[in-house]
Amino acid sequence: MTPPPGSLLAAEDLHKTYGPTKALDGAEFSIHPGEVVAVMGPSGSGKSTLLHCLAGIVVPDSGSITYDGRELATMSDAQRSALRRSEFGFVFQFGQLVPELTCVENVALPLRLNGTSRKEAERAALTWLERLEVDDLAKKRPGEVSGGQGQRVAVARALVTRPRVLFADEPTGALDSLNGERVMELLTDAARSTNAAVVLVTHEARVAAYSDREIVVRDGRSRDMERIV
């Protein structure tokens, strides 16, 4: 495929079937550096499958996914895993922090897995905790903080490696509206400050409003929606 000019991550004619169910049926996608794209759709529409394919977690049955000029399908499992450790960041609905680690240790974990020394990793982690306004929680464990605070820690963890693409799957789904709004403000501001592209999966219009563009997925097919300003 020929990705749209300037795109960092692009997909064309993606198909993925689980048994008799077509999760993706010709879906397409593209995103540029620094852009926030919301992927919307009802439950079971295929939006999470699309995210998993774009992130190299799931291999589509057919179609093409190009990241920075490279075809994901031709990469080995080890190469895709390396991408997810260093160039991709992830924020999930329930944060998925490691309960045995402190907040600063959770944020430092991706750097430690990539070989960064503990001192350097925790210094970077503290910087991101400060940017997400939760540096006072550095020594606390996830069970000692609120849901909104924990999600900010999760965002800091996702951004600490300065990923080129941040995948956020229903990042405010477990939060009340006030905490959700603040998490989205901090997430998008922090990502844009590093020119990261953000793939934001959501079914909430108020969350999608933080994006530059919306793609609606329905029955495994995608439609690019023009934003009316």
C-alpha atoms as a PDB file:
ATOM      1  CA  MET A   1       0.000   0.000   0.000  1.00  0.00           C
ATOM      2  CA  THR A   2       0.972   3.668  -0.337  1.00  0.00           C
ATOM      3  CA  PRO A   3       0.265   5.381   2.989  1.00  0.00           C
ATOM      4  CA  PRO A   4      -1.265   8.877   2.942  1.00  0.00           C
ATOM      5  CA  PRO A   5       1.508  11.507   2.628  1.00  0.00           C
ATOM      6  CA  GLY A   6       3.094  12.258   5.984  1.00  0.00           C
ATOM      7  CA  SER A   7       1.317   9.464   7.857  1.00  0.00           C
ATOM      8  CA  LEU A   8       3.192   7.633  10.598  1.00  0.00           C
ATOM      9  CA  LEU A   9       0.840   4.658  10.888  1.00  0.00           C
ATOM     10  CA  ALA A  10      -1.588   3.537   8.194  1.00  0.00           C
ATOM     11  CA  ALA A  11      -3.768   0.519   7.469  1.00  0.00           C
ATOM     12  CA  GLU A  12      -5.617  -0.514   4.338  1.00  0.00           C
ATOM     13  CA  ASP A  13      -8.328  -3.116   3.702  1.00  0.00           C
ATOM     14  CA  LEU A  14      -7.920  -4.938   7.027  1.00  0.00           C
ATOM     15  CA  HIS A  15      -9.803  -8.206   7.519  1.00  0.00           C
ATOM     16  CA  LYS A  16      -9.899 -10.256  10.702  1.00  0.00           C
ATOM     17  CA  THR A  17     -12.242 -13.144  11.484  1.00  0.00           C
ATOM     18  CA  TYR A  18     -12.772 -14.973  14.764  1.00  0.00           C
ATOM     19  CA  GLY A  19     -14.675 -18.152  13.936  1.00  0.00           C
ATOM     20  CA  PRO A  20     -17.872 -17.095  12.127  1.00  0.00           C
ATOM     21  CA  THR A  21     -17.522 -13.470  13.276  1.00  0.00           C
ATOM     22  CA  LYS A  22     -15.993 -10.811  11.043  1.00  0.00           C
ATOM     23  CA  ALA A  23     -14.279  -8.455  13.456  1.00  0.00           C
ATOM     24  CA  LEU A  24     -12.779  -6.366  10.636  1.00  0.00           C
ATOM     25  CA  ASP A  25     -14.166  -6.252   7.121  1.00  0.00           C
ATOM     26  CA  GLY A  26     -12.053  -3.883   5.044  1.00  0.00           C
ATOM     27  CA  ALA A  27     -11.204  -1.306   7.729  1.00  0.00           C
ATOM     28  CA  GLU A  28      -8.792   1.528   6.940  1.00  0.00           C
ATOM     29  CA  PHE A  29      -6.881   3.957   9.139  1.00  0.00           C
ATOM     30  CA  SER A  30      -4.158   6.592   9.066  1.00  0.00           C
ATOM     31  CA  ILE A  31      -2.575   8.970  11.568  1.00  0.00           C
ATOM     32  CA  HIS A  32       0.142  11.621  11.429  1.00  0.00           C
ATOM     33  CA  PRO A  33       2.741  12.523  14.078  1.00  0.00           C
ATOM     34  CA  GLY A  34       1.195  14.757  16.738  1.00  0.00           C
ATOM     35  CA  GLU A  35      -2.357  13.922  15.664  1.00  0.00           C
ATOM     36  CA  VAL A  36      -5.073  12.576  17.974  1.00  0.00           C
ATOM     37  CA  VAL A  37      -7.532  10.289  16.175  1.00  0.00           C
ATOM     38  CA  ALA A  38     -10.595   8.941  17.977  1.00  0.00           C
ATOM     39  CA  VAL A  39     -11.819   5.499  16.901  1.00  0.00           C
ATOM     40  CA  MET A  40     -15.511   5.311  17.760  1.00  0.00           C
ATOM     41  CA  GLY A  41     -18.215   2.717  17.434  1.00  0.00           C
ATOM     42  CA  PRO A  42     -20.679   0.609  19.429  1.00  0.00           C
ATOM     43  CA  SER A  43     -19.614  -2.423  21.449  1.00  0.00           C
ATOM     44  CA  GLY A  44     -18.611  -5.254  19.128  1.00  0.00           C
ATOM     45  CA  SER A  45     -18.053  -2.957  16.143  1.00  0.00           C
ATOM     46  CA  GLY A  46     -14.390  -3.947  15.736  1.00  0.00           C
ATOM     47  CA  LYS A  47     -12.732  -0.839  17.152  1.00  0.00           C
ATOM     48  CA  SER A  48     -10.625  -2.684  19.746  1.00  0.00           C
ATOM     49  CA  THR A  49      -9.606  -5.293  17.167  1.00  0.00           C
ATOM     50  CA  LEU A  50      -8.485  -2.450  14.905  1.00  0.00           C
ATOM     51  CA  LEU A  51      -6.373  -0.998  17.721  1.00  0.00           C
ATOM     52  CA  HIS A  52      -4.808  -4.399  18.463  1.00  0.00           C
ATOM     53  CA  CYS A  53      -3.927  -4.856  14.791  1.00  0.00           C
ATOM     54  CA  LEU A  54      -2.433  -1.366  14.523  1.00  0.00           C
ATOM     55  CA  ALA A  55      -0.324  -2.043  17.620  1.00  0.00           C
ATOM     56  CA  GLY A  56       0.984  -5.339  16.249  1.00  0.00           C
ATOM     57  CA  ILE A  57      -0.679  -7.337  19.025  1.00  0.00           C
ATOM     58  CA  VAL A  58      -2.998  -9.115  16.574  1.00  0.00           C
ATOM     59  CA  VAL A  59      -2.044 -10.032  13.002  1.00  0.00           C
ATOM     60  CA  PRO A  60      -4.887  -9.403  10.517  1.00  0.00           C
ATOM     61  CA  ASP A  61      -5.953 -12.168   8.136  1.00  0.00           C
ATOM     62  CA  SER A  62      -5.324  -9.841   5.208  1.00  0.00           C
ATOM     63  CA  GLY A  63      -4.633  -6.212   4.447  1.00  0.00           C
ATOM     64  CA  SER A  64      -1.657  -3.955   5.065  1.00  0.00           C
ATOM     65  CA  ILE A  65      -0.395  -2.005   8.096  1.00  0.00           C
ATOM     66  CA  THR A  66       2.539   0.337   7.571  1.00  0.00           C
ATOM     67  CA  TYR A  67       4.402   1.982  10.442  1.00  0.00           C
ATOM     68  CA  ASP A  68       7.100   4.506   9.581  1.00  0.00           C
ATOM     69  CA  GLY A  69       7.485   2.944   6.139  1.00  0.00           C
ATOM     70  CA  ARG A  70       7.700  -0.611   7.458  1.00  0.00           C
ATOM     71  CA  GLU A  71       5.105  -3.335   6.966  1.00  0.00           C
ATOM     72  CA  LEU A  72       4.103  -4.827  10.321  1.00  0.00           C
ATOM     73  CA  ALA A  73       3.120  -8.165   8.756  1.00  0.00           C
ATOM     74  CA  THR A  74       6.692  -8.821   7.613  1.00  0.00           C
ATOM     75  CA  MET A  75       8.124  -8.208  11.086  1.00  0.00           C
ATOM     76  CA  SER A  76       8.879 -11.071  13.438  1.00  0.00           C
ATOM     77  CA  ASP A  77       7.108 -11.407  16.789  1.00  0.00           C
ATOM     78  CA  ALA A  78      10.301 -10.200  18.465  1.00  0.00           C
ATOM     79  CA  GLN A  79      10.447  -7.102  16.260  1.00  0.00           C
ATOM     80  CA  ARG A  80       6.820  -6.228  16.980  1.00  0.00           C
ATOM     81  CA  SER A  81       7.420  -6.764  20.707  1.00  0.00           C
ATOM     82  CA  ALA A  82      10.402  -4.399  20.529  1.00  0.00           C
ATOM     83  CA  LEU A  83       8.185  -1.763  18.911  1.00  0.00           C
ATOM     84  CA  ARG A  84       5.665  -2.075  21.720  1.00  0.00           C
ATOM     85  CA  ARG A  85       8.398  -1.661  24.326  1.00  0.00           C
ATOM     86  CA  SER A  86      10.085   1.383  22.829  1.00  0.00           C
ATOM     87  CA  GLU A  87       8.028   3.160  20.151  1.00  0.00           C
ATOM     88  CA  PHE A  88       4.446   2.393  21.204  1.00  0.00           C
ATOM     89  CA  GLY A  89       2.784   3.350  24.490  1.00  0.00           C
ATOM     90  CA  PHE A  90      -0.450   1.956  25.961  1.00  0.00           C
ATOM     91  CA  VAL A  91      -3.147   3.222  28.310  1.00  0.00           C
ATOM     92  CA  PHE A  92      -5.951   0.820  29.217  1.00  0.00           C
ATOM     93  CA  GLN A  93      -9.364   1.330  30.790  1.00  0.00           C
ATOM     94  CA  PHE A  94      -8.334   0.093  34.245  1.00  0.00           C
ATOM     95  CA  GLY A  95      -4.714   1.288  34.197  1.00  0.00           C
ATOM     96  CA  GLN A  96      -3.265  -2.179  34.813  1.00  0.00           C
ATOM     97  CA  LEU A  97      -0.600  -0.926  37.195  1.00  0.00           C
ATOM     98  CA  VAL A  98       1.517  -3.522  39.004  1.00  0.00           C
ATOM     99  CA  PRO A  99       0.080  -3.551  42.561  1.00  0.00           C
ATOM    100  CA  GLU A 100       3.336  -4.616  44.248  1.00  0.00           C
ATOM    101  CA  LEU A 101       5.268  -1.633  42.842  1.00  0.00           C
ATOM    102  CA  THR A 102       5.099   1.996  43.920  1.00  0.00           C
ATOM    103  CA  CYS A 103       3.764   4.543  41.448  1.00  0.00           C
ATOM    104  CA  VAL A 104       7.246   5.755  40.533  1.00  0.00           C
ATOM    105  CA  GLU A 105       8.394   2.159  40.037  1.00  0.00           C
ATOM    106  CA  ASN A 106       5.379   1.496  37.802  1.00  0.00           C
ATOM    107  CA  VAL A 107       6.199   4.484  35.608  1.00  0.00           C
ATOM    108  CA  ALA A 108       9.884   3.568  35.487  1.00  0.00           C
ATOM    109  CA  LEU A 109       9.141  -0.065  34.560  1.00  0.00           C
ATOM    110  CA  PRO A 110       9.138   0.340  30.719  1.00  0.00           C
ATOM    111  CA  LEU A 111      12.533   2.053  30.889  1.00  0.00           C
ATOM    112  CA  ARG A 112      13.912  -0.612  33.214  1.00  0.00           C
ATOM    113  CA  LEU A 113      12.747  -3.336  30.798  1.00  0.00           C
ATOM    114  CA  ASN A 114      14.677  -1.537  28.049  1.00  0.00           C
ATOM    115  CA  GLY A 115      17.885  -1.595  30.092  1.00  0.00           C
ATOM    116  CA  THR A 116      17.873   1.882  31.677  1.00  0.00           C
ATOM    117  CA  SER A 117      19.463   2.088  35.111  1.00  0.00           C
ATOM    118  CA  ARG A 118      17.117   2.319  38.078  1.00  0.00           C
ATOM    119  CA  LYS A 119      18.313   5.798  39.064  1.00  0.00           C
ATOM    120  CA  GLU A 120      17.900   7.229  35.570  1.00  0.00           C
ATOM    121  CA  ALA A 121      14.560   5.481  35.000  1.00  0.00           C
ATOM    122  CA  GLU A 122      13.086   6.751  38.270  1.00  0.00           C
ATOM    123  CA  ARG A 123      14.349  10.277  37.563  1.00  0.00           C
ATOM    124  CA  ALA A 124      12.485  10.245  34.242  1.00  0.00           C
ATOM    125  CA  ALA A 125       9.450   8.695  35.930  1.00  0.00           C
ATOM    126  CA  LEU A 126       9.309  11.480  38.522  1.00  0.00           C
ATOM    127  CA  THR A 127       9.421  14.079  35.742  1.00  0.00           C
ATOM    128  CA  TRP A 128       6.387  12.507  34.083  1.00  0.00           C
ATOM    129  CA  LEU A 129       4.520  12.086  37.363  1.00  0.00           C
ATOM    130  CA  GLU A 130       5.030  15.808  37.930  1.00  0.00           C
ATOM    131  CA  ARG A 131       3.726  16.622  34.447  1.00  0.00           C
ATOM    132  CA  LEU A 132       0.630  14.528  35.168  1.00  0.00           C
ATOM    133  CA  GLU A 133       0.236  16.297  38.542  1.00  0.00           C
ATOM    134  CA  VAL A 134       0.668  13.171  40.689  1.00  0.00           C
ATOM    135  CA  ASP A 135       4.321  13.387  41.779  1.00  0.00           C
ATOM    136  CA  ASP A 136       3.154  13.468  45.409  1.00  0.00           C
ATOM    137  CA  LEU A 137       2.023   9.853  44.941  1.00  0.00           C
ATOM    138  CA  ALA A 138       5.442   8.585  43.843  1.00  0.00           C
ATOM    139  CA  LYS A 139       6.008   6.350  46.866  1.00  0.00           C
ATOM    140  CA  LYS A 140       2.436   5.095  47.164  1.00  0.00           C
ATOM    141  CA  ARG A 141       1.211   1.815  45.707  1.00  0.00           C
ATOM    142  CA  PRO A 142      -1.723   1.643  43.252  1.00  0.00           C
ATOM    143  CA  GLY A 143      -4.078   0.367  45.954  1.00  0.00           C
ATOM    144  CA  GLU A 144      -3.475   3.554  47.947  1.00  0.00           C
ATOM    145  CA  VAL A 145      -4.550   6.026  45.234  1.00  0.00           C
ATOM    146  CA  SER A 146      -7.886   6.924  43.635  1.00  0.00           C
ATOM    147  CA  GLY A 147      -8.994   5.740  40.213  1.00  0.00           C
ATOM    148  CA  GLY A 148      -8.343   9.110  38.611  1.00  0.00           C
ATOM    149  CA  GLN A 149      -4.905   9.358  40.201  1.00  0.00           C
ATOM    150  CA  GLY A 150      -4.045   5.808  39.128  1.00  0.00           C
ATOM    151  CA  GLN A 151      -5.030   6.562  35.547  1.00  0.00           C
ATOM    152  CA  ARG A 152      -2.730   9.591  35.504  1.00  0.00           C
ATOM    153  CA  VAL A 153       0.078   7.313  36.706  1.00  0.00           C
ATOM    154  CA  ALA A 154      -0.797   4.931  33.864  1.00  0.00           C
ATOM    155  CA  VAL A 155      -0.581   7.790  31.356  1.00  0.00           C
ATOM    156  CA  ALA A 156       2.832   8.752  32.763  1.00  0.00           C
ATOM    157  CA  ARG A 157       3.971   5.143  32.361  1.00  0.00           C
ATOM    158  CA  ALA A 158       2.784   5.102  28.750  1.00  0.00           C
ATOM    159  CA  LEU A 159       4.648   8.312  27.908  1.00  0.00           C
ATOM    160  CA  VAL A 160       7.889   7.794  29.845  1.00  0.00           C
ATOM    161  CA  THR A 161       9.592   6.112  26.868  1.00  0.00           C
ATOM    162  CA  ARG A 162       8.502   9.024  24.646  1.00  0.00           C
ATOM    163  CA  PRO A 163       6.626   6.722  22.257  1.00  0.00           C
ATOM    164  CA  ARG A 164       5.871   7.808  18.718  1.00  0.00           C
ATOM    165  CA  VAL A 165       2.361   6.298  18.940  1.00  0.00           C
ATOM    166  CA  LEU A 166       0.191   6.178  22.061  1.00  0.00           C
ATOM    167  CA  PHE A 167      -2.701   3.689  22.032  1.00  0.00           C
ATOM    168  CA  ALA A 168      -5.445   4.594  24.526  1.00  0.00           C
ATOM    169  CA  ASP A 169      -8.246   2.019  24.836  1.00  0.00           C
ATOM    170  CA  GLU A 170     -11.228   3.548  26.698  1.00  0.00           C
ATOM    171  CA  PRO A 171      -8.820   5.448  28.991  1.00  0.00           C
ATOM    172  CA  THR A 172     -11.633   7.147  30.944  1.00  0.00           C
ATOM    173  CA  GLY A 173     -14.115   4.274  30.934  1.00  0.00           C
ATOM    174  CA  ALA A 174     -13.697   3.564  34.653  1.00  0.00           C
ATOM    175  CA  LEU A 175     -13.694   7.215  35.756  1.00  0.00           C
ATOM    176  CA  ASP A 176     -16.377   9.751  36.618  1.00  0.00           C
ATOM    177  CA  SER A 177     -16.846  12.640  34.191  1.00  0.00           C
ATOM    178  CA  LEU A 178     -14.726  15.150  36.138  1.00  0.00           C
ATOM    179  CA  ASN A 179     -11.730  12.817  36.497  1.00  0.00           C
ATOM    180  CA  GLY A 180     -12.185  11.646  32.910  1.00  0.00           C
ATOM    181  CA  GLU A 181     -12.028  15.199  31.579  1.00  0.00           C
ATOM    182  CA  ARG A 182      -8.839  15.958  33.527  1.00  0.00           C
ATOM    183  CA  VAL A 183      -7.150  12.727  32.417  1.00  0.00           C
ATOM    184  CA  MET A 184      -7.966  13.534  28.779  1.00  0.00           C
ATOM    185  CA  GLU A 185      -6.647  17.090  29.107  1.00  0.00           C
ATOM    186  CA  LEU A 186      -3.382  15.870  30.592  1.00  0.00           C
ATOM    187  CA  LEU A 187      -3.049  12.928  28.202  1.00  0.00           C
ATOM    188  CA  THR A 188      -3.552  14.941  25.020  1.00  0.00           C
ATOM    189  CA  ASP A 189      -1.434  17.884  26.179  1.00  0.00           C
ATOM    190  CA  ALA A 190       1.440  15.616  27.219  1.00  0.00           C
ATOM    191  CA  ALA A 191       1.285  13.567  24.010  1.00  0.00           C
ATOM    192  CA  ARG A 192       1.221  16.650  21.796  1.00  0.00           C
ATOM    193  CA  SER A 193       4.218  18.091  23.657  1.00  0.00           C
ATOM    194  CA  THR A 194       6.284  15.126  22.421  1.00  0.00           C
ATOM    195  CA  ASN A 195       4.623  15.032  18.955  1.00  0.00           C
ATOM    196  CA  ALA A 196       3.240  11.564  19.662  1.00  0.00           C
ATOM    197  CA  ALA A 197       0.338  10.293  17.597  1.00  0.00           C
ATOM    198  CA  VAL A 198      -2.603   9.164  19.743  1.00  0.00           C
ATOM    199  CA  VAL A 199      -5.006   6.381  18.716  1.00  0.00           C
ATOM    200  CA  LEU A 200      -7.940   6.880  21.057  1.00  0.00           C
ATOM    201  CA  VAL A 201     -10.588   4.145  21.214  1.00  0.00           C
ATOM    202  CA  THR A 202     -13.786   5.355  22.853  1.00  0.00           C
ATOM    203  CA  HIS A 203     -17.557   5.207  22.622  1.00  0.00           C
ATOM    204  CA  GLU A 204     -18.000   8.530  24.426  1.00  0.00           C
ATOM    205  CA  ALA A 205     -18.506  11.737  22.427  1.00  0.00           C
ATOM    206  CA  ARG A 206     -17.067  13.871  25.252  1.00  0.00           C
ATOM    207  CA  VAL A 207     -13.811  11.913  25.082  1.00  0.00           C
ATOM    208  CA  ALA A 208     -13.694  11.951  21.288  1.00  0.00           C
ATOM    209  CA  ALA A 209     -14.022  15.740  21.455  1.00  0.00           C
ATOM    210  CA  TYR A 210     -10.351  15.879  22.496  1.00  0.00           C
ATOM    211  CA  SER A 211      -9.309  14.417  19.136  1.00  0.00           C
ATOM    212  CA  ASP A 212      -8.412  16.147  15.874  1.00  0.00           C
ATOM    213  CA  ARG A 213     -10.376  13.662  13.803  1.00  0.00           C
ATOM    214  CA  GLU A 214     -12.821  10.799  14.275  1.00  0.00           C
ATOM    215  CA  ILE A 215     -13.041   7.418  12.582  1.00  0.00           C
ATOM    216  CA  VAL A 216     -16.263   5.495  13.115  1.00  0.00           C
ATOM    217  CA  VAL A 217     -16.100   1.688  13.004  1.00  0.00           C
ATOM    218  CA  ARG A 218     -19.291  -0.247  12.416  1.00  0.00           C
ATOM    219  CA  ASP A 219     -19.575  -3.926  11.450  1.00  0.00           C
ATOM    220  CA  GLY A 220     -15.803  -4.081  10.964  1.00  0.00           C
ATOM    221  CA  ARG A 221     -15.708  -1.214   8.465  1.00  0.00           C
ATOM    222  CA  SER A 222     -14.362   2.278   9.071  1.00  0.00           C
ATOM    223  CA  ARG A 223     -15.509   5.718   8.015  1.00  0.00           C
ATOM    224  CA  ASP A 224     -13.439   8.866   8.399  1.00  0.00           C
ATOM    225  CA  MET A 225     -15.626  11.650   9.804  1.00  0.00           C
ATOM    226  CA  GLU A 226     -14.940  15.303   9.061  1.00  0.00           C
ATOM    227  CA  ARG A 227     -14.719  17.412  12.217  1.00  0.00           C
ATOM    228  CA  ILE A 228     -17.099  20.360  12.104  1.00  0.00           C
ATOM    229  CA  VAL A 229     -15.531  23.297  13.952  1.00  0.00           C
END
